[in-house]
């Protein structure tokens, strides 16, 4: 379920960044902040468990940021 949600967010950010590059930074920051809160909360678990629990949040943050960046880059390559 969580994977499907992250995939959906990545697609929305990609389309939004392609269509409205300047306005897409706000939603991107919101998603980044939300995943950052989850990552910092998971990192408070003791020992290796904290490291393992925060890893999916970090990977998701990286994927959403990469998706938005790809949308902006694709828009920049248009001949318009």
PDB file of N, CA and C in Angstrom:
ATOM      1  N   UNK A   1       0.826  -1.190   0.000  1.00  0.00           N
ATOM      2  CA  UNK A   1       0.000   0.000   0.000  1.00  0.00           C
ATOM      3  C   UNK A   1       0.873   1.258   0.000  1.00  0.00           C
ATOM      4  N   UNK A   2       1.892   1.242   0.841  1.00  0.00           N
ATOM      5  CA  UNK A   2       2.785   2.395   0.918  1.00  0.00           C
ATOM      6  C   UNK A   2       3.544   2.596  -0.390  1.00  0.00           C
ATOM      7  N   UNK A   3       3.950   1.501  -1.009  1.00  0.00           N
ATOM      8  CA  UNK A   3       4.678   1.605  -2.278  1.00  0.00           C
ATOM      9  C   UNK A   3       3.793   2.220  -3.349  1.00  0.00           C
ATOM     10  N   UNK A   4       2.538   1.786  -3.386  1.00  0.00           N
ATOM     11  CA  UNK A   4       1.592   2.350  -4.354  1.00  0.00           C
ATOM     12  C   UNK A   4       1.370   3.832  -4.135  1.00  0.00           C
ATOM     13  N   UNK A   5       1.319   4.252  -2.878  1.00  0.00           N
ATOM     14  CA  UNK A   5       1.154   5.672  -2.561  1.00  0.00           C
ATOM     15  C   UNK A   5       2.336   6.504  -3.019  1.00  0.00           C
ATOM     16  N   UNK A   6       3.531   5.993  -2.799  1.00  0.00           N
ATOM     17  CA  UNK A   6       4.737   6.710  -3.214  1.00  0.00           C
ATOM     18  C   UNK A   6       4.816   6.785  -4.738  1.00  0.00           C
ATOM     19  N   UNK A   7       4.436   5.706  -5.410  1.00  0.00           N
ATOM     20  CA  UNK A   7       4.434   5.716  -6.883  1.00  0.00           C
ATOM     21  C   UNK A   7       3.440   6.758  -7.396  1.00  0.00           C
ATOM     22  N   UNK A   8       2.269   6.818  -6.770  1.00  0.00           N
ATOM     23  CA  UNK A   8       1.260   7.799  -7.177  1.00  0.00           C
ATOM     24  C   UNK A   8       1.761   9.227  -6.959  1.00  0.00           C
ATOM     25  N   UNK A   9       2.413   9.477  -5.824  1.00  0.00           N
ATOM     26  CA  UNK A   9       2.957  10.810  -5.543  1.00  0.00           C
ATOM     27  C   UNK A   9       4.042  11.165  -6.550  1.00  0.00           C
ATOM     28  N   UNK A  10       4.881  10.199  -6.899  1.00  0.00           N
ATOM     29  CA  UNK A  10       5.934  10.452  -7.891  1.00  0.00           C
ATOM     30  C   UNK A  10       5.331  10.825  -9.248  1.00  0.00           C
ATOM     31  N   UNK A  11       4.281  10.127  -9.637  1.00  0.00           N
ATOM     32  CA  UNK A  11       3.649  10.421 -10.924  1.00  0.00           C
ATOM     33  C   UNK A  11       3.009  11.801 -10.911  1.00  0.00           C
ATOM     34  N   UNK A  12       2.327  12.120  -9.814  1.00  0.00           N
ATOM     35  CA  UNK A  12       1.694  13.443  -9.704  1.00  0.00           C
ATOM     36  C   UNK A  12       2.754  14.545  -9.751  1.00  0.00           C
ATOM     37  N   UNK A  13       3.857  14.367  -9.020  1.00  0.00           N
ATOM     38  CA  UNK A  13       4.920  15.374  -9.033  1.00  0.00           C
ATOM     39  C   UNK A  13       5.567  15.492 -10.413  1.00  0.00           C
ATOM     40  N   UNK A  14       5.730  14.375 -11.101  1.00  0.00           N
ATOM     41  CA  UNK A  14       6.311  14.397 -12.436  1.00  0.00           C
ATOM     42  C   UNK A  14       5.432  15.197 -13.400  1.00  0.00           C
ATOM     43  N   UNK A  15       4.137  14.915 -13.387  1.00  0.00           N
ATOM     44  CA  UNK A  15       3.218  15.619 -14.279  1.00  0.00           C
ATOM     45  C   UNK A  15       3.125  17.093 -13.903  1.00  0.00           C
ATOM     46  N   UNK A  16       3.028  17.363 -12.614  1.00  0.00           N
ATOM     47  CA  UNK A  16       2.932  18.746 -12.160  1.00  0.00           C
ATOM     48  C   UNK A  16       4.189  19.538 -12.513  1.00  0.00           C
ATOM     49  N   UNK A  17       5.354  18.920 -12.343  1.00  0.00           N
ATOM     50  CA  UNK A  17       6.606  19.597 -12.670  1.00  0.00           C
ATOM     51  C   UNK A  17       6.742  19.817 -14.172  1.00  0.00           C
ATOM     52  N   UNK A  18       6.175  18.916 -14.964  1.00  0.00           N
ATOM     53  CA  UNK A  18       6.242  19.086 -16.413  1.00  0.00           C
ATOM     54  C   UNK A  18       5.308  20.195 -16.879  1.00  0.00           C
ATOM     55  N   UNK A  19       4.105  20.243 -16.301  1.00  0.00           N
ATOM     56  CA  UNK A  19       3.116  21.225 -16.741  1.00  0.00           C
ATOM     57  C   UNK A  19       3.339  22.607 -16.121  1.00  0.00           C
ATOM     58  N   UNK A  20       3.646  22.648 -14.833  1.00  0.00           N
ATOM     59  CA  UNK A  20       3.822  23.917 -14.117  1.00  0.00           C
ATOM     60  C   UNK A  20       5.114  23.872 -13.296  1.00  0.00           C
ATOM     61  N   UNK A  21       6.263  24.065 -13.938  1.00  0.00           N
ATOM     62  CA  UNK A  21       7.530  23.874 -13.232  1.00  0.00           C
ATOM     63  C   UNK A  21       7.720  24.795 -12.028  1.00  0.00           C
ATOM     64  N   UNK A  22       7.293  26.024 -12.118  1.00  0.00           N
ATOM     65  CA  UNK A  22       7.507  26.946 -11.001  1.00  0.00           C
ATOM     66  C   UNK A  22       6.594  26.648  -9.830  1.00  0.00           C
ATOM     67  N   UNK A  23       5.386  26.214 -10.116  1.00  0.00           N
ATOM     68  CA  UNK A  23       4.424  25.945  -9.056  1.00  0.00           C
ATOM     69  C   UNK A  23       4.589  24.559  -8.434  1.00  0.00           C
ATOM     70  N   UNK A  24       5.427  23.726  -9.010  1.00  0.00           N
ATOM     71  CA  UNK A  24       5.584  22.366  -8.496  1.00  0.00           C
ATOM     72  C   UNK A  24       6.527  22.289  -7.298  1.00  0.00           C
ATOM     73  N   UNK A  25       7.261  23.339  -7.023  1.00  0.00           N
ATOM     74  CA  UNK A  25       8.212  23.261  -5.905  1.00  0.00           C
ATOM     75  C   UNK A  25       7.501  23.239  -4.557  1.00  0.00           C
ATOM     76  N   UNK A  26       6.353  23.862  -4.439  1.00  0.00           N
ATOM     77  CA  UNK A  26       5.606  23.851  -3.180  1.00  0.00           C
ATOM     78  C   UNK A  26       5.144  22.454  -2.789  1.00  0.00           C
ATOM     79  N   UNK A  27       4.438  21.752  -3.690  1.00  0.00           N
ATOM     80  CA  UNK A  27       4.055  20.377  -3.365  1.00  0.00           C
ATOM     81  C   UNK A  27       5.259  19.456  -3.134  1.00  0.00           C
ATOM     82  N   UNK A  28       6.326  19.691  -3.871  1.00  0.00           N
ATOM     83  CA  UNK A  28       7.522  18.873  -3.673  1.00  0.00           C
ATOM     84  C   UNK A  28       8.086  19.083  -2.270  1.00  0.00           C
ATOM     85  N   UNK A  29       8.134  20.327  -1.823  1.00  0.00           N
ATOM     86  CA  UNK A  29       8.624  20.607  -0.471  1.00  0.00           C
ATOM     87  C   UNK A  29       7.709  20.013   0.588  1.00  0.00           C
ATOM     88  N   UNK A  30       6.393  20.032   0.324  1.00  0.00           N
ATOM     89  CA  UNK A  30       5.443  19.444   1.266  1.00  0.00           C
ATOM     90  C   UNK A  30       5.631  17.942   1.415  1.00  0.00           C
ATOM     91  N   UNK A  31       5.805  17.261   0.301  1.00  0.00           N
ATOM     92  CA  UNK A  31       6.045  15.820   0.341  1.00  0.00           C
ATOM     93  C   UNK A  31       7.372  15.533   1.025  1.00  0.00           C
ATOM     94  N   UNK A  32       8.383  16.325   0.708  1.00  0.00           N
ATOM     95  CA  UNK A  32       9.704  16.149   1.303  1.00  0.00           C
ATOM     96  C   UNK A  32       9.648  16.349   2.817  1.00  0.00           C
ATOM     97  N   UNK A  33       8.910  17.345   3.252  1.00  0.00           N
ATOM     98  CA  UNK A  33       8.791  17.620   4.681  1.00  0.00           C
ATOM     99  C   UNK A  33       8.033  16.501   5.394  1.00  0.00           C
ATOM    100  N   UNK A  34       6.969  16.004   4.764  1.00  0.00           N
ATOM    101  CA  UNK A  34       6.185  14.930   5.361  1.00  0.00           C
ATOM    102  C   UNK A  34       7.005  13.654   5.503  1.00  0.00           C
ATOM    103  N   UNK A  35       7.723  13.294   4.462  1.00  0.00           N
ATOM    104  CA  UNK A  35       8.564  12.102   4.535  1.00  0.00           C
ATOM    105  C   UNK A  35       9.731  12.310   5.498  1.00  0.00           C
ATOM    106  N   UNK A  36      10.200  13.545   5.616  1.00  0.00           N
ATOM    107  CA  UNK A  36      11.281  13.845   6.558  1.00  0.00           C
ATOM    108  C   UNK A  36      10.845  13.659   8.002  1.00  0.00           C
ATOM    109  N   UNK A  37       9.597  14.020   8.299  1.00  0.00           N
ATOM    110  CA  UNK A  37       9.070  13.817   9.651  1.00  0.00           C
ATOM    111  C   UNK A  37       8.997  12.330   9.959  1.00  0.00           C
ATOM    112  N   UNK A  38       8.528  11.545   8.992  1.00  0.00           N
ATOM    113  CA  UNK A  38       8.486  10.098   9.183  1.00  0.00           C
ATOM    114  C   UNK A  38       9.872   9.498   9.353  1.00  0.00           C
ATOM    115  N   UNK A  39      10.812  10.005   8.594  1.00  0.00           N
ATOM    116  CA  UNK A  39      12.181   9.504   8.680  1.00  0.00           C
ATOM    117  C   UNK A  39      12.801   9.838  10.029  1.00  0.00           C
ATOM    118  N   UNK A  40      12.594  11.048  10.496  1.00  0.00           N
ATOM    119  CA  UNK A  40      13.191  11.421  11.789  1.00  0.00           C
ATOM    120  C   UNK A  40      12.500  10.692  12.932  1.00  0.00           C
ATOM    121  N   UNK A  41      11.209  10.443  12.810  1.00  0.00           N
ATOM    122  CA  UNK A  41      10.508   9.682  13.845  1.00  0.00           C
ATOM    123  C   UNK A  41      10.972   8.238  13.889  1.00  0.00           C
ATOM    124  N   UNK A  42      11.178   7.644  12.726  1.00  0.00           N
ATOM    125  CA  UNK A  42      11.626   6.253  12.664  1.00  0.00           C
ATOM    126  C   UNK A  42      13.066   6.114  13.142  1.00  0.00           C
ATOM    127  N   UNK A  43      13.861   7.143  12.975  1.00  0.00           N
ATOM    128  CA  UNK A  43      15.270   7.049  13.374  1.00  0.00           C
ATOM    129  C   UNK A  43      15.443   7.046  14.885  1.00  0.00           C
ATOM    130  N   UNK A  44      14.400   7.367  15.627  1.00  0.00           N
ATOM    131  CA  UNK A  44      14.498   7.397  17.087  1.00  0.00           C
ATOM    132  C   UNK A  44      14.364   6.022  17.719  1.00  0.00           C
ATOM    133  N   UNK A  45      14.080   5.015  16.908  1.00  0.00           N
ATOM    134  CA  UNK A  45      14.032   3.653  17.421  1.00  0.00           C
ATOM    135  C   UNK A  45      15.454   3.239  17.818  1.00  0.00           C
ATOM    136  N   UNK A  46      15.577   2.381  18.814  1.00  0.00           N
ATOM    137  CA  UNK A  46      16.916   2.033  19.310  1.00  0.00           C
ATOM    138  C   UNK A  46      17.719   1.156  18.357  1.00  0.00           C
ATOM    139  N   UNK A  47      18.994   1.430  18.317  1.00  0.00           N
ATOM    140  CA  UNK A  47      19.959   0.595  17.608  1.00  0.00           C
ATOM    141  C   UNK A  47      19.756   0.518  16.113  1.00  0.00           C
ATOM    142  N   UNK A  48      20.028  -0.675  15.576  1.00  0.00           N
ATOM    143  CA  UNK A  48      19.927  -0.903  14.134  1.00  0.00           C
ATOM    144  C   UNK A  48      18.490  -0.779  13.641  1.00  0.00           C
ATOM    145  N   UNK A  49      17.532  -1.007  14.518  1.00  0.00           N
ATOM    146  CA  UNK A  49      16.133  -0.911  14.131  1.00  0.00           C
ATOM    147  C   UNK A  49      15.804   0.489  13.625  1.00  0.00           C
ATOM    148  N   UNK A  50      16.352   1.505  14.261  1.00  0.00           N
ATOM    149  CA  UNK A  50      16.140   2.876  13.815  1.00  0.00           C
ATOM    150  C   UNK A  50      16.680   3.120  12.420  1.00  0.00           C
ATOM    151  N   UNK A  51      17.829   2.545  12.139  1.00  0.00           N
ATOM    152  CA  UNK A  51      18.429   2.691  10.801  1.00  0.00           C
ATOM    153  C   UNK A  51      17.580   1.987   9.755  1.00  0.00           C
ATOM    154  N   UNK A  52      17.093   0.805  10.091  1.00  0.00           N
ATOM    155  CA  UNK A  52      16.283   0.038   9.140  1.00  0.00           C
ATOM    156  C   UNK A  52      14.925   0.688   8.902  1.00  0.00           C
ATOM    157  N   UNK A  53      14.347   1.268   9.944  1.00  0.00           N
ATOM    158  CA  UNK A  53      13.029   1.875   9.797  1.00  0.00           C
ATOM    159  C   UNK A  53      13.056   3.193   9.023  1.00  0.00           C
ATOM    160  N   UNK A  54      14.158   3.916   9.097  1.00  0.00           N
ATOM    161  CA  UNK A  54      14.215   5.202   8.401  1.00  0.00           C
ATOM    162  C   UNK A  54      14.595   5.062   6.936  1.00  0.00           C
ATOM    163  N   UNK A  55      15.143   3.930   6.548  1.00  0.00           N
ATOM    164  CA  UNK A  55      15.610   3.745   5.172  1.00  0.00           C
ATOM    165  C   UNK A  55      14.495   3.868   4.122  1.00  0.00           C
ATOM    166  N   UNK A  56      13.307   3.287   4.313  1.00  0.00           N
ATOM    167  CA  UNK A  56      12.259   3.451   3.291  1.00  0.00           C
ATOM    168  C   UNK A  56      11.828   4.910   3.112  1.00  0.00           C
ATOM    169  N   UNK A  57      11.828   5.680   4.179  1.00  0.00           N
ATOM    170  CA  UNK A  57      11.451   7.087   4.067  1.00  0.00           C
ATOM    171  C   UNK A  57      12.502   7.868   3.278  1.00  0.00           C
ATOM    172  N   UNK A  58      13.770   7.590   3.521  1.00  0.00           N
ATOM    173  CA  UNK A  58      14.838   8.257   2.781  1.00  0.00           C
ATOM    174  C   UNK A  58      14.815   7.911   1.304  1.00  0.00           C
ATOM    175  N   UNK A  59      14.563   6.635   1.012  1.00  0.00           N
ATOM    176  CA  UNK A  59      14.491   6.203  -0.378  1.00  0.00           C
ATOM    177  C   UNK A  59      13.300   6.842  -1.083  1.00  0.00           C
ATOM    178  N   UNK A  60      12.183   6.957  -0.374  1.00  0.00           N
ATOM    179  CA  UNK A  60      10.991   7.585  -0.952  1.00  0.00           C
ATOM    180  C   UNK A  60      11.222   9.066  -1.208  1.00  0.00           C
ATOM    181  N   UNK A  61      11.895   9.745  -0.294  1.00  0.00           N
ATOM    182  CA  UNK A  61      12.222  11.166  -0.492  1.00  0.00           C
ATOM    183  C   UNK A  61      13.078  11.341  -1.733  1.00  0.00           C
ATOM    184  N   UNK A  62      14.062  10.466  -1.878  1.00  0.00           N
ATOM    185  CA  UNK A  62      14.959  10.543  -3.028  1.00  0.00           C
ATOM    186  C   UNK A  62      14.194  10.313  -4.330  1.00  0.00           C
ATOM    187  N   UNK A  63      13.260   9.360  -4.322  1.00  0.00           N
ATOM    188  CA  UNK A  63      12.482   9.055  -5.531  1.00  0.00           C
ATOM    189  C   UNK A  63      11.559  10.206  -5.908  1.00  0.00           C
ATOM    190  N   UNK A  64      10.905  10.825  -4.928  1.00  0.00           N
ATOM    191  CA  UNK A  64       9.989  11.927  -5.247  1.00  0.00           C
ATOM    192  C   UNK A  64      10.759  13.141  -5.746  1.00  0.00           C
ATOM    193  N   UNK A  65      11.888  13.425  -5.147  1.00  0.00           N
ATOM    194  CA  UNK A  65      12.700  14.556  -5.613  1.00  0.00           C
ATOM    195  C   UNK A  65      13.238  14.314  -7.024  1.00  0.00           C
ATOM    196  N   UNK A  66      13.629  13.085  -7.296  1.00  0.00           N
ATOM    197  CA  UNK A  66      14.146  12.742  -8.623  1.00  0.00           C
ATOM    198  C   UNK A  66      13.036  12.839  -9.673  1.00  0.00           C
ATOM    199  N   UNK A  67      11.834  12.449  -9.300  1.00  0.00           N
ATOM    200  CA  UNK A  67      10.701  12.507 -10.220  1.00  0.00           C
ATOM    201  C   UNK A  67      10.368  13.949 -10.588  1.00  0.00           C
ATOM    202  N   UNK A  68      10.305  14.821  -9.595  1.00  0.00           N
ATOM    203  CA  UNK A  68      10.012  16.229  -9.863  1.00  0.00           C
ATOM    204  C   UNK A  68      11.128  16.866 -10.688  1.00  0.00           C
ATOM    205  N   UNK A  69      12.353  16.514 -10.398  1.00  0.00           N
ATOM    206  CA  UNK A  69      13.480  17.042 -11.152  1.00  0.00           C
ATOM    207  C   UNK A  69      13.423  16.593 -12.612  1.00  0.00           C
ATOM    208  N   UNK A  70      13.031  15.348 -12.833  1.00  0.00           N
ATOM    209  CA  UNK A  70      12.932  14.837 -14.206  1.00  0.00           C
ATOM    210  C   UNK A  70      11.833  15.564 -14.970  1.00  0.00           C
ATOM    211  N   UNK A  71      10.741  15.888 -14.306  1.00  0.00           N
ATOM    212  CA  UNK A  71       9.672  16.632 -14.962  1.00  0.00           C
ATOM    213  C   UNK A  71      10.117  18.016 -15.385  1.00  0.00           C
ATOM    214  N   UNK A  72      10.838  18.693 -14.507  1.00  0.00           N
ATOM    215  CA  UNK A  72      11.343  20.032 -14.849  1.00  0.00           C
ATOM    216  C   UNK A  72      12.380  19.963 -15.960  1.00  0.00           C
ATOM    217  N   UNK A  73      13.232  18.944 -15.914  1.00  0.00           N
ATOM    218  CA  UNK A  73      14.255  18.791 -16.945  1.00  0.00           C
ATOM    219  C   UNK A  73      13.609  18.502 -18.298  1.00  0.00           C
ATOM    220  N   UNK A  74      12.578  17.654 -18.314  1.00  0.00           N
ATOM    221  CA  UNK A  74      11.869  17.348 -19.553  1.00  0.00           C
ATOM    222  C   UNK A  74      11.176  18.571 -20.128  1.00  0.00           C
ATOM    223  N   UNK A  75      10.628  19.392 -19.265  1.00  0.00           N
ATOM    224  CA  UNK A  75       9.981  20.621 -19.721  1.00  0.00           C
ATOM    225  C   UNK A  75      11.016  21.576 -20.310  1.00  0.00           C
ATOM    226  N   UNK A  76      12.191  21.611 -19.717  1.00  0.00           N
ATOM    227  CA  UNK A  76      13.246  22.487 -20.214  1.00  0.00           C
ATOM    228  C   UNK A  76      13.771  22.102 -21.572  1.00  0.00           C
ATOM    229  N   UNK A  77      13.603  20.842 -21.960  1.00  0.00           N
ATOM    230  CA  UNK A  77      14.092  20.373 -23.252  1.00  0.00           C
ATOM    231  C   UNK A  77      13.093  20.605 -24.382  1.00  0.00           C
ATOM    232  N   UNK A  78      11.897  21.064 -24.064  1.00  0.00           N
ATOM    233  CA  UNK A  78      10.911  21.330 -25.108  1.00  0.00           C
ATOM    234  C   UNK A  78      11.350  22.497 -25.988  1.00  0.00           C
ATOM    235  N   UNK A  79      11.051  22.462 -27.255  1.00  0.00           N
ATOM    236  CA  UNK A  79      11.466  23.542 -28.143  1.00  0.00           C
ATOM    237  C   UNK A  79      10.590  24.788 -28.035  1.00  0.00           C
ATOM    238  N   UNK A  80       9.608  24.791 -27.167  1.00  0.00           N
ATOM    239  CA  UNK A  80       8.701  25.944 -27.044  1.00  0.00           C
ATOM    240  C   UNK A  80       9.310  27.072 -26.264  1.00  0.00           C
TER     241      UNK A  80
END
